[in-house]
N, C-alpha and C. Protein backbone atom coordinates (compact mmCIF):
# COMPACT_ATOMS: atom_id res chain seq x y z
N MET A 1 -50.72 67.26 -106.61
CA MET A 1 -49.61 66.48 -106.06
C MET A 1 -49.55 66.69 -104.59
N LEU A 2 -49.94 67.71 -104.07
CA LEU A 2 -49.91 67.99 -102.67
C LEU A 2 -50.70 67.08 -101.80
N PRO A 3 -51.92 66.62 -102.20
CA PRO A 3 -52.67 65.69 -101.36
C PRO A 3 -51.97 64.33 -101.18
N LYS A 4 -51.24 63.82 -102.13
CA LYS A 4 -50.55 62.55 -101.95
C LYS A 4 -49.49 62.63 -100.91
N LEU A 5 -48.74 63.75 -100.85
CA LEU A 5 -47.70 63.90 -99.85
C LEU A 5 -48.25 63.97 -98.46
N SER A 6 -49.31 64.60 -98.21
CA SER A 6 -49.91 64.69 -96.88
C SER A 6 -50.41 63.36 -96.38
N VAL A 7 -50.90 62.51 -97.29
CA VAL A 7 -51.40 61.18 -96.92
C VAL A 7 -50.19 60.28 -96.53
N LEU A 8 -49.11 60.40 -97.27
CA LEU A 8 -47.95 59.61 -96.98
C LEU A 8 -47.34 60.02 -95.66
N MET A 9 -47.29 61.30 -95.30
CA MET A 9 -46.75 61.76 -94.02
C MET A 9 -47.63 61.31 -92.92
N SER A 10 -48.92 61.30 -93.13
CA SER A 10 -49.83 60.89 -92.06
C SER A 10 -49.63 59.41 -91.72
N VAL A 11 -49.43 58.59 -92.69
CA VAL A 11 -49.24 57.14 -92.44
C VAL A 11 -47.96 56.94 -91.67
N LEU A 12 -46.86 57.64 -92.00
CA LEU A 12 -45.60 57.48 -91.25
C LEU A 12 -45.70 57.95 -89.83
N LEU A 13 -46.42 58.96 -89.56
CA LEU A 13 -46.53 59.51 -88.21
C LEU A 13 -47.50 58.69 -87.34
N ILE A 14 -48.48 58.04 -87.91
CA ILE A 14 -49.48 57.28 -87.14
C ILE A 14 -48.95 55.95 -86.77
N SER A 15 -48.30 55.22 -87.60
CA SER A 15 -47.87 53.83 -87.30
C SER A 15 -46.33 53.67 -87.41
N PRO A 16 -45.66 54.11 -86.36
CA PRO A 16 -44.18 53.96 -86.45
C PRO A 16 -43.82 52.50 -86.30
N ALA A 17 -42.90 52.04 -87.11
CA ALA A 17 -42.49 50.57 -87.05
C ALA A 17 -41.47 50.39 -85.96
N TRP A 18 -41.58 49.38 -85.13
CA TRP A 18 -40.72 48.97 -84.05
C TRP A 18 -40.45 50.07 -83.01
N ALA A 19 -41.40 50.76 -82.57
CA ALA A 19 -41.22 51.69 -81.51
C ALA A 19 -40.96 51.00 -80.20
N GLN A 20 -41.44 49.73 -80.12
CA GLN A 20 -41.22 48.90 -78.92
C GLN A 20 -41.25 47.43 -79.35
N ASP A 21 -40.39 46.60 -78.73
CA ASP A 21 -40.35 45.18 -79.04
C ASP A 21 -39.88 44.44 -77.76
N SER A 22 -40.12 43.17 -77.74
CA SER A 22 -39.65 42.40 -76.59
C SER A 22 -39.25 41.01 -77.05
N ALA A 23 -38.48 40.34 -76.26
CA ALA A 23 -37.99 39.00 -76.49
C ALA A 23 -37.92 38.27 -75.14
N ASN A 24 -38.03 36.98 -75.15
CA ASN A 24 -37.93 36.19 -73.94
C ASN A 24 -36.73 35.25 -74.00
N ALA A 25 -36.10 35.04 -72.83
CA ALA A 25 -35.00 34.07 -72.75
C ALA A 25 -35.22 33.24 -71.51
N ARG A 26 -34.96 32.01 -71.60
CA ARG A 26 -35.11 31.05 -70.48
C ARG A 26 -33.79 31.15 -69.64
N VAL A 27 -33.93 31.28 -68.32
CA VAL A 27 -32.81 31.35 -67.44
C VAL A 27 -32.81 30.07 -66.57
N SER A 28 -31.71 29.37 -66.53
CA SER A 28 -31.73 28.14 -65.73
C SER A 28 -30.33 27.93 -65.10
N LEU A 29 -30.29 27.15 -64.12
CA LEU A 29 -29.04 26.75 -63.51
C LEU A 29 -29.22 25.39 -62.88
N ALA A 30 -28.14 24.75 -62.53
CA ALA A 30 -28.18 23.43 -61.84
C ALA A 30 -27.32 23.54 -60.62
N ILE A 31 -27.77 22.96 -59.52
CA ILE A 31 -26.99 22.91 -58.29
C ILE A 31 -26.78 21.42 -58.06
N PRO A 32 -25.53 20.95 -58.18
CA PRO A 32 -25.30 19.53 -57.98
C PRO A 32 -25.17 19.19 -56.50
N LYS A 33 -25.14 17.91 -56.19
CA LYS A 33 -24.86 17.48 -54.85
C LYS A 33 -23.37 17.77 -54.58
N LEU A 34 -23.07 18.36 -53.47
CA LEU A 34 -21.73 18.77 -53.15
C LEU A 34 -21.24 18.06 -51.89
N VAL A 35 -19.93 17.83 -51.81
CA VAL A 35 -19.39 17.17 -50.64
C VAL A 35 -17.93 17.68 -50.47
N LYS A 36 -17.46 17.76 -49.25
CA LYS A 36 -16.09 18.20 -48.97
C LYS A 36 -15.54 17.43 -47.82
N ILE A 37 -14.27 16.95 -47.91
CA ILE A 37 -13.56 16.32 -46.81
C ILE A 37 -12.35 17.14 -46.53
N SER A 38 -12.05 17.37 -45.25
CA SER A 38 -10.91 18.19 -44.89
C SER A 38 -10.34 17.76 -43.52
N ASN A 39 -9.21 18.28 -43.23
CA ASN A 39 -8.48 18.04 -41.92
C ASN A 39 -7.87 16.65 -41.88
N LEU A 40 -7.68 15.95 -42.94
CA LEU A 40 -6.99 14.65 -42.91
C LEU A 40 -5.49 14.91 -42.77
N GLN A 41 -4.86 14.32 -41.82
CA GLN A 41 -3.43 14.45 -41.60
C GLN A 41 -2.78 13.11 -41.92
N ASP A 42 -1.42 13.21 -42.18
CA ASP A 42 -0.65 11.99 -42.33
C ASP A 42 -0.72 11.17 -41.06
N ILE A 43 -0.64 9.87 -41.18
CA ILE A 43 -0.82 8.95 -40.09
C ILE A 43 0.51 8.26 -39.79
N ALA A 44 1.15 8.64 -38.73
CA ALA A 44 2.43 8.05 -38.27
C ALA A 44 2.12 7.11 -37.11
N LEU A 45 2.21 5.84 -37.33
CA LEU A 45 1.91 4.84 -36.30
C LEU A 45 3.05 4.69 -35.32
N GLY A 46 4.18 5.19 -35.64
CA GLY A 46 5.34 5.16 -34.74
C GLY A 46 6.15 3.90 -34.92
N GLU A 47 7.06 3.68 -33.94
CA GLU A 47 7.95 2.53 -33.96
C GLU A 47 7.33 1.47 -33.02
N TRP A 48 7.27 0.23 -33.46
CA TRP A 48 6.71 -0.86 -32.64
C TRP A 48 7.69 -1.23 -31.54
N SER A 49 7.24 -1.41 -30.33
CA SER A 49 8.09 -1.69 -29.18
C SER A 49 8.41 -3.20 -29.04
N GLY A 50 7.76 -3.99 -29.79
CA GLY A 50 7.98 -5.43 -29.68
C GLY A 50 6.81 -6.17 -29.10
N SER A 51 5.84 -5.39 -28.60
CA SER A 51 4.61 -6.00 -28.07
C SER A 51 3.44 -5.03 -28.25
N GLY A 52 2.23 -5.61 -28.28
CA GLY A 52 1.01 -4.80 -28.40
C GLY A 52 0.75 -4.37 -29.86
N ASP A 53 -0.38 -3.64 -29.99
CA ASP A 53 -0.85 -3.15 -31.26
C ASP A 53 -0.32 -1.73 -31.49
N LEU A 54 -0.41 -1.29 -32.73
CA LEU A 54 -0.20 0.11 -33.02
C LEU A 54 -1.48 0.69 -33.59
N GLN A 55 -1.78 1.91 -33.15
CA GLN A 55 -3.07 2.52 -33.56
C GLN A 55 -2.96 4.00 -33.53
N SER A 56 -3.69 4.67 -34.41
CA SER A 56 -3.73 6.14 -34.48
C SER A 56 -5.15 6.57 -34.78
N GLU A 57 -5.63 7.64 -34.20
CA GLU A 57 -6.96 8.21 -34.44
C GLU A 57 -6.86 9.67 -34.72
N GLN A 58 -7.78 10.19 -35.54
CA GLN A 58 -7.87 11.59 -35.79
C GLN A 58 -9.29 11.95 -36.17
N GLN A 59 -9.63 13.23 -35.97
CA GLN A 59 -10.97 13.71 -36.37
C GLN A 59 -10.84 14.52 -37.67
N LEU A 60 -11.79 14.35 -38.52
CA LEU A 60 -11.80 15.05 -39.79
C LEU A 60 -13.08 15.89 -39.87
N CYS A 61 -13.27 16.52 -41.05
CA CYS A 61 -14.53 17.19 -41.32
C CYS A 61 -15.03 16.72 -42.67
N VAL A 62 -16.29 16.29 -42.67
CA VAL A 62 -16.96 15.94 -43.94
C VAL A 62 -18.32 16.72 -43.93
N TRP A 63 -18.45 17.55 -44.98
CA TRP A 63 -19.70 18.27 -45.18
C TRP A 63 -20.30 17.77 -46.48
N SER A 64 -21.66 17.64 -46.45
CA SER A 64 -22.39 17.25 -47.64
C SER A 64 -23.62 18.17 -47.78
N SER A 65 -23.84 18.64 -49.00
CA SER A 65 -25.04 19.48 -49.19
C SER A 65 -26.34 18.73 -49.00
N THR A 66 -26.23 17.40 -48.98
CA THR A 66 -27.44 16.53 -48.80
C THR A 66 -27.55 16.03 -47.38
N ASP A 67 -26.59 16.42 -46.53
CA ASP A 67 -26.44 15.92 -45.13
C ASP A 67 -26.07 14.48 -45.03
N SER A 68 -25.90 13.79 -46.13
CA SER A 68 -25.55 12.37 -46.13
C SER A 68 -24.46 12.12 -47.19
N TYR A 69 -23.59 11.13 -46.88
CA TYR A 69 -22.52 10.88 -47.82
C TYR A 69 -22.15 9.37 -47.70
N SER A 70 -21.40 8.91 -48.69
CA SER A 70 -20.75 7.59 -48.62
C SER A 70 -19.28 7.78 -48.65
N LEU A 71 -18.55 6.77 -48.13
CA LEU A 71 -17.12 6.82 -48.04
C LEU A 71 -16.49 5.57 -48.54
N SER A 72 -15.45 5.68 -49.35
CA SER A 72 -14.69 4.53 -49.79
C SER A 72 -13.20 4.79 -49.49
N GLY A 73 -12.47 3.74 -49.20
CA GLY A 73 -11.08 3.84 -48.96
C GLY A 73 -10.23 2.95 -49.88
N ASN A 74 -9.10 3.42 -50.30
CA ASN A 74 -8.25 2.62 -51.20
C ASN A 74 -6.81 2.75 -50.74
N SER A 75 -6.16 1.60 -50.77
CA SER A 75 -4.74 1.45 -50.39
C SER A 75 -3.91 1.24 -51.67
N ASP A 76 -2.86 1.99 -51.84
CA ASP A 76 -1.98 1.81 -52.95
C ASP A 76 -1.39 0.42 -53.03
N ASN A 77 -1.18 -0.20 -51.86
CA ASN A 77 -0.50 -1.51 -51.78
C ASN A 77 -1.47 -2.63 -51.46
N GLY A 78 -2.74 -2.32 -51.25
CA GLY A 78 -3.67 -3.33 -50.77
C GLY A 78 -4.26 -4.19 -51.90
N GLU A 79 -5.02 -5.16 -51.44
CA GLU A 79 -5.76 -6.01 -52.35
C GLU A 79 -7.25 -5.86 -51.96
N ALA A 80 -8.11 -6.49 -52.73
CA ALA A 80 -9.55 -6.38 -52.46
C ALA A 80 -9.85 -6.71 -50.97
N GLY A 81 -10.44 -5.71 -50.33
CA GLY A 81 -10.86 -5.86 -48.93
C GLY A 81 -9.75 -5.70 -47.92
N GLN A 82 -8.48 -5.56 -48.30
CA GLN A 82 -7.41 -5.51 -47.32
C GLN A 82 -6.49 -4.30 -47.58
N PHE A 83 -6.33 -3.45 -46.51
CA PHE A 83 -5.33 -2.37 -46.60
C PHE A 83 -3.97 -2.99 -46.28
N ARG A 84 -2.88 -2.46 -46.90
CA ARG A 84 -1.60 -3.09 -46.73
C ARG A 84 -0.50 -2.04 -46.80
N LEU A 85 0.48 -2.15 -45.86
CA LEU A 85 1.69 -1.35 -45.88
C LEU A 85 2.76 -2.15 -46.59
N ALA A 86 3.54 -1.48 -47.43
CA ALA A 86 4.64 -2.10 -48.13
C ALA A 86 5.95 -1.80 -47.46
N GLY A 87 6.80 -2.82 -47.31
CA GLY A 87 8.07 -2.66 -46.64
C GLY A 87 9.19 -3.15 -47.52
N PRO A 88 10.34 -3.44 -46.85
CA PRO A 88 11.50 -3.86 -47.63
C PRO A 88 11.35 -5.24 -48.26
N ASP A 89 12.00 -5.40 -49.40
CA ASP A 89 12.03 -6.73 -50.09
C ASP A 89 10.64 -7.33 -50.27
N THR A 90 9.67 -6.56 -50.72
CA THR A 90 8.27 -6.99 -50.98
C THR A 90 7.56 -7.48 -49.75
N GLN A 91 8.05 -7.17 -48.55
CA GLN A 91 7.37 -7.52 -47.32
C GLN A 91 6.16 -6.59 -47.17
N THR A 92 5.07 -7.12 -46.55
CA THR A 92 3.89 -6.30 -46.32
C THR A 92 3.36 -6.48 -44.93
N VAL A 93 2.62 -5.53 -44.46
CA VAL A 93 1.94 -5.58 -43.18
C VAL A 93 0.49 -5.14 -43.43
N ASP A 94 -0.48 -5.97 -43.07
CA ASP A 94 -1.89 -5.58 -43.24
C ASP A 94 -2.33 -4.70 -42.09
N TYR A 95 -3.22 -3.77 -42.39
CA TYR A 95 -3.75 -2.89 -41.37
C TYR A 95 -5.27 -2.74 -41.57
N GLN A 96 -5.93 -2.27 -40.49
CA GLN A 96 -7.37 -2.02 -40.60
C GLN A 96 -7.65 -0.58 -40.51
N VAL A 97 -8.77 -0.16 -41.14
CA VAL A 97 -9.24 1.22 -41.15
C VAL A 97 -10.64 1.19 -40.57
N TYR A 98 -10.94 2.12 -39.67
CA TYR A 98 -12.30 2.25 -39.13
C TYR A 98 -12.73 3.71 -39.26
N TRP A 99 -14.05 3.86 -39.45
CA TRP A 99 -14.68 5.22 -39.62
C TRP A 99 -15.83 5.33 -38.64
N ASP A 100 -15.91 6.52 -38.00
CA ASP A 100 -17.01 6.80 -37.09
C ASP A 100 -17.60 8.15 -37.51
N ASP A 101 -18.86 8.12 -37.96
CA ASP A 101 -19.60 9.33 -38.30
C ASP A 101 -20.45 9.82 -37.14
N GLY A 102 -20.23 9.28 -35.96
CA GLY A 102 -21.03 9.66 -34.76
C GLY A 102 -21.87 8.50 -34.30
N GLU A 103 -21.94 7.43 -35.08
CA GLU A 103 -22.73 6.24 -34.75
C GLU A 103 -21.84 5.08 -34.27
N GLY A 104 -20.53 5.35 -34.02
CA GLY A 104 -19.59 4.28 -33.56
C GLY A 104 -18.73 3.87 -34.74
N PHE A 105 -17.56 3.34 -34.39
CA PHE A 105 -16.60 2.93 -35.46
C PHE A 105 -17.09 1.75 -36.18
N ARG A 106 -16.99 1.80 -37.52
CA ARG A 106 -17.32 0.70 -38.43
C ARG A 106 -16.10 0.43 -39.26
N GLN A 107 -15.82 -0.87 -39.53
CA GLN A 107 -14.64 -1.19 -40.34
C GLN A 107 -14.88 -0.82 -41.79
N LEU A 108 -13.87 -0.19 -42.37
CA LEU A 108 -13.86 0.15 -43.80
C LEU A 108 -12.85 -0.80 -44.49
N ARG A 109 -13.27 -1.46 -45.50
CA ARG A 109 -12.39 -2.41 -46.20
C ARG A 109 -11.90 -1.75 -47.49
N ASN A 110 -10.66 -2.09 -47.88
CA ASN A 110 -10.08 -1.54 -49.08
C ASN A 110 -10.97 -1.81 -50.29
N GLY A 111 -11.31 -0.72 -51.01
CA GLY A 111 -12.10 -0.80 -52.22
C GLY A 111 -13.59 -0.89 -52.04
N GLU A 112 -14.03 -0.95 -50.76
CA GLU A 112 -15.48 -1.03 -50.42
C GLU A 112 -15.98 0.33 -49.98
N THR A 113 -17.30 0.47 -49.89
CA THR A 113 -17.95 1.71 -49.54
C THR A 113 -18.87 1.60 -48.35
N LEU A 114 -18.77 2.53 -47.42
CA LEU A 114 -19.76 2.71 -46.36
C LEU A 114 -20.79 3.73 -46.82
N THR A 115 -22.06 3.45 -46.65
CA THR A 115 -23.13 4.38 -47.11
C THR A 115 -23.93 4.88 -45.94
N GLY A 116 -24.74 5.93 -46.19
CA GLY A 116 -25.67 6.46 -45.22
C GLY A 116 -24.95 7.19 -44.06
N LEU A 117 -23.82 7.74 -44.27
CA LEU A 117 -23.05 8.44 -43.25
C LEU A 117 -23.62 9.88 -43.14
N VAL A 118 -23.53 10.47 -41.94
CA VAL A 118 -24.06 11.79 -41.66
C VAL A 118 -22.95 12.81 -41.74
N GLY A 119 -23.18 13.91 -42.51
CA GLY A 119 -22.19 14.92 -42.71
C GLY A 119 -22.43 16.11 -41.75
N ALA A 120 -21.45 16.99 -41.75
CA ALA A 120 -21.52 18.21 -40.89
C ALA A 120 -22.54 19.15 -41.52
N THR A 121 -22.98 20.08 -40.69
CA THR A 121 -23.96 21.09 -41.15
C THR A 121 -23.29 22.34 -41.69
N GLU A 122 -22.01 22.52 -41.48
CA GLU A 122 -21.24 23.65 -42.03
C GLU A 122 -20.02 23.12 -42.76
N HIS A 123 -19.57 23.90 -43.76
CA HIS A 123 -18.41 23.49 -44.61
C HIS A 123 -17.20 23.17 -43.80
N ASN A 124 -16.93 23.91 -42.74
CA ASN A 124 -15.67 23.77 -42.00
C ASN A 124 -15.88 23.07 -40.62
N CYS A 125 -17.05 22.53 -40.35
CA CYS A 125 -17.31 21.84 -39.09
C CYS A 125 -17.18 22.81 -37.91
N ALA A 126 -17.37 24.10 -38.08
CA ALA A 126 -17.19 25.09 -37.03
C ALA A 126 -18.34 25.02 -35.99
N GLU A 127 -19.52 24.57 -36.41
CA GLU A 127 -20.64 24.58 -35.45
C GLU A 127 -20.30 23.58 -34.37
N GLU A 128 -20.56 23.99 -33.10
CA GLU A 128 -20.17 23.19 -31.90
C GLU A 128 -20.70 21.77 -31.94
N ASN A 129 -21.93 21.56 -32.31
CA ASN A 129 -22.50 20.24 -32.30
C ASN A 129 -22.43 19.51 -33.69
N SER A 130 -21.67 20.07 -34.60
CA SER A 130 -21.54 19.47 -35.90
C SER A 130 -20.77 18.14 -35.81
N PRO A 131 -21.28 17.09 -36.46
CA PRO A 131 -20.58 15.81 -36.46
C PRO A 131 -19.17 15.91 -37.02
N ARG A 132 -18.21 15.35 -36.34
CA ARG A 132 -16.82 15.32 -36.80
C ARG A 132 -16.38 13.88 -36.85
N PRO A 133 -16.35 13.30 -38.06
CA PRO A 133 -16.04 11.90 -38.18
C PRO A 133 -14.64 11.55 -37.60
N GLY A 134 -14.51 10.35 -37.11
CA GLY A 134 -13.23 9.87 -36.61
C GLY A 134 -12.63 8.81 -37.58
N LEU A 135 -11.35 8.82 -37.75
CA LEU A 135 -10.66 7.84 -38.49
C LEU A 135 -9.69 7.14 -37.62
N ARG A 136 -9.71 5.79 -37.61
CA ARG A 136 -8.82 5.02 -36.85
C ARG A 136 -8.04 4.02 -37.77
N VAL A 137 -6.74 4.01 -37.61
CA VAL A 137 -5.91 3.05 -38.31
C VAL A 137 -5.25 2.13 -37.28
N HIS A 138 -5.32 0.84 -37.49
CA HIS A 138 -4.90 -0.15 -36.51
C HIS A 138 -4.15 -1.24 -37.10
N VAL A 139 -2.99 -1.64 -36.43
CA VAL A 139 -2.21 -2.75 -36.88
C VAL A 139 -2.13 -3.74 -35.68
N ASP A 140 -2.50 -4.96 -35.88
CA ASP A 140 -2.48 -6.00 -34.80
C ASP A 140 -1.02 -6.36 -34.44
N GLY A 141 -0.77 -6.52 -33.19
CA GLY A 141 0.55 -6.87 -32.67
C GLY A 141 1.03 -8.19 -33.22
N GLU A 142 0.13 -9.17 -33.39
CA GLU A 142 0.47 -10.49 -33.95
C GLU A 142 1.06 -10.36 -35.35
N ILE A 143 0.48 -9.45 -36.15
CA ILE A 143 1.02 -9.22 -37.48
C ILE A 143 2.39 -8.57 -37.40
N LEU A 144 2.53 -7.61 -36.51
CA LEU A 144 3.82 -6.94 -36.38
C LEU A 144 4.90 -7.92 -35.88
N ALA A 145 4.52 -8.80 -35.03
CA ALA A 145 5.52 -9.80 -34.50
C ALA A 145 6.10 -10.67 -35.61
N ASN A 146 5.33 -10.89 -36.68
CA ASN A 146 5.78 -11.75 -37.73
C ASN A 146 6.38 -10.96 -38.95
N ALA A 147 6.43 -9.64 -38.78
CA ALA A 147 6.96 -8.81 -39.91
C ALA A 147 8.44 -8.65 -39.84
N ALA A 148 9.06 -8.54 -41.03
CA ALA A 148 10.53 -8.26 -41.08
C ALA A 148 10.77 -6.84 -40.59
N PHE A 149 11.97 -6.59 -40.10
CA PHE A 149 12.32 -5.23 -39.66
C PHE A 149 12.42 -4.35 -40.90
N GLY A 150 12.17 -3.04 -40.68
CA GLY A 150 12.25 -2.06 -41.76
C GLY A 150 11.13 -1.05 -41.68
N ASP A 151 11.10 -0.15 -42.54
CA ASP A 151 10.08 0.87 -42.64
C ASP A 151 9.00 0.44 -43.65
N TYR A 152 7.71 0.64 -43.29
CA TYR A 152 6.57 0.29 -44.05
C TYR A 152 5.75 1.55 -44.30
N GLN A 153 5.15 1.57 -45.49
CA GLN A 153 4.27 2.77 -45.76
C GLN A 153 3.19 2.39 -46.81
N ASP A 154 2.18 3.23 -46.87
CA ASP A 154 1.12 3.07 -47.85
C ASP A 154 0.55 4.51 -48.05
N ARG A 155 -0.23 4.61 -49.12
CA ARG A 155 -1.02 5.84 -49.28
C ARG A 155 -2.49 5.43 -49.20
N LEU A 156 -3.15 5.89 -48.20
CA LEU A 156 -4.55 5.64 -47.97
C LEU A 156 -5.36 6.81 -48.62
N SER A 157 -6.21 6.48 -49.55
CA SER A 157 -7.05 7.49 -50.22
C SER A 157 -8.48 7.32 -49.75
N LEU A 158 -9.08 8.40 -49.25
CA LEU A 158 -10.47 8.41 -48.85
C LEU A 158 -11.25 9.23 -49.83
N THR A 159 -12.38 8.70 -50.29
CA THR A 159 -13.23 9.35 -51.26
C THR A 159 -14.64 9.45 -50.68
N VAL A 160 -15.20 10.67 -50.64
CA VAL A 160 -16.56 10.90 -50.17
C VAL A 160 -17.40 11.29 -51.34
N ILE A 161 -18.67 10.83 -51.34
CA ILE A 161 -19.61 11.11 -52.38
C ILE A 161 -20.94 11.51 -51.71
N ALA A 162 -21.54 12.62 -52.06
CA ALA A 162 -22.80 13.04 -51.52
C ALA A 162 -23.87 12.10 -52.01
N GLU A 163 -24.74 11.72 -51.07
CA GLU A 163 -25.84 10.76 -51.44
C GLU A 163 -27.12 11.50 -51.63
């Protein structure tokens, strides 16, 4: 009986089961196109004096991980292609919006998109030579001359998309 026991112990000591094992896992991630718009302030065109146009300009920051973006604008009170301020008794005043990404001001129409715009190189536009787009809102004096007295307002929404 002794020889069988020594053979069995030899087998267990020579070939240990699962002394080492390995497995593989695939690691992946996705980095989407990213874009950020900041520094947009409320636009107060002021009180009309009775002559001339009203206009306001400001600089914003638009960063895109692709260095390029598109921009669309929407007016809560507008119609296709036209931004519009709403006033008393369903009165309205049309206004224009212009965008400058460093290539000069281009007109933006309500519900339409400007493409191929150049974004900043840093998230916060802190770099000295980083492009800082300009926004201009303009109301023609002729339109104001025909408008009823009162306060007019709109909500202008700007949407940027990385290209």
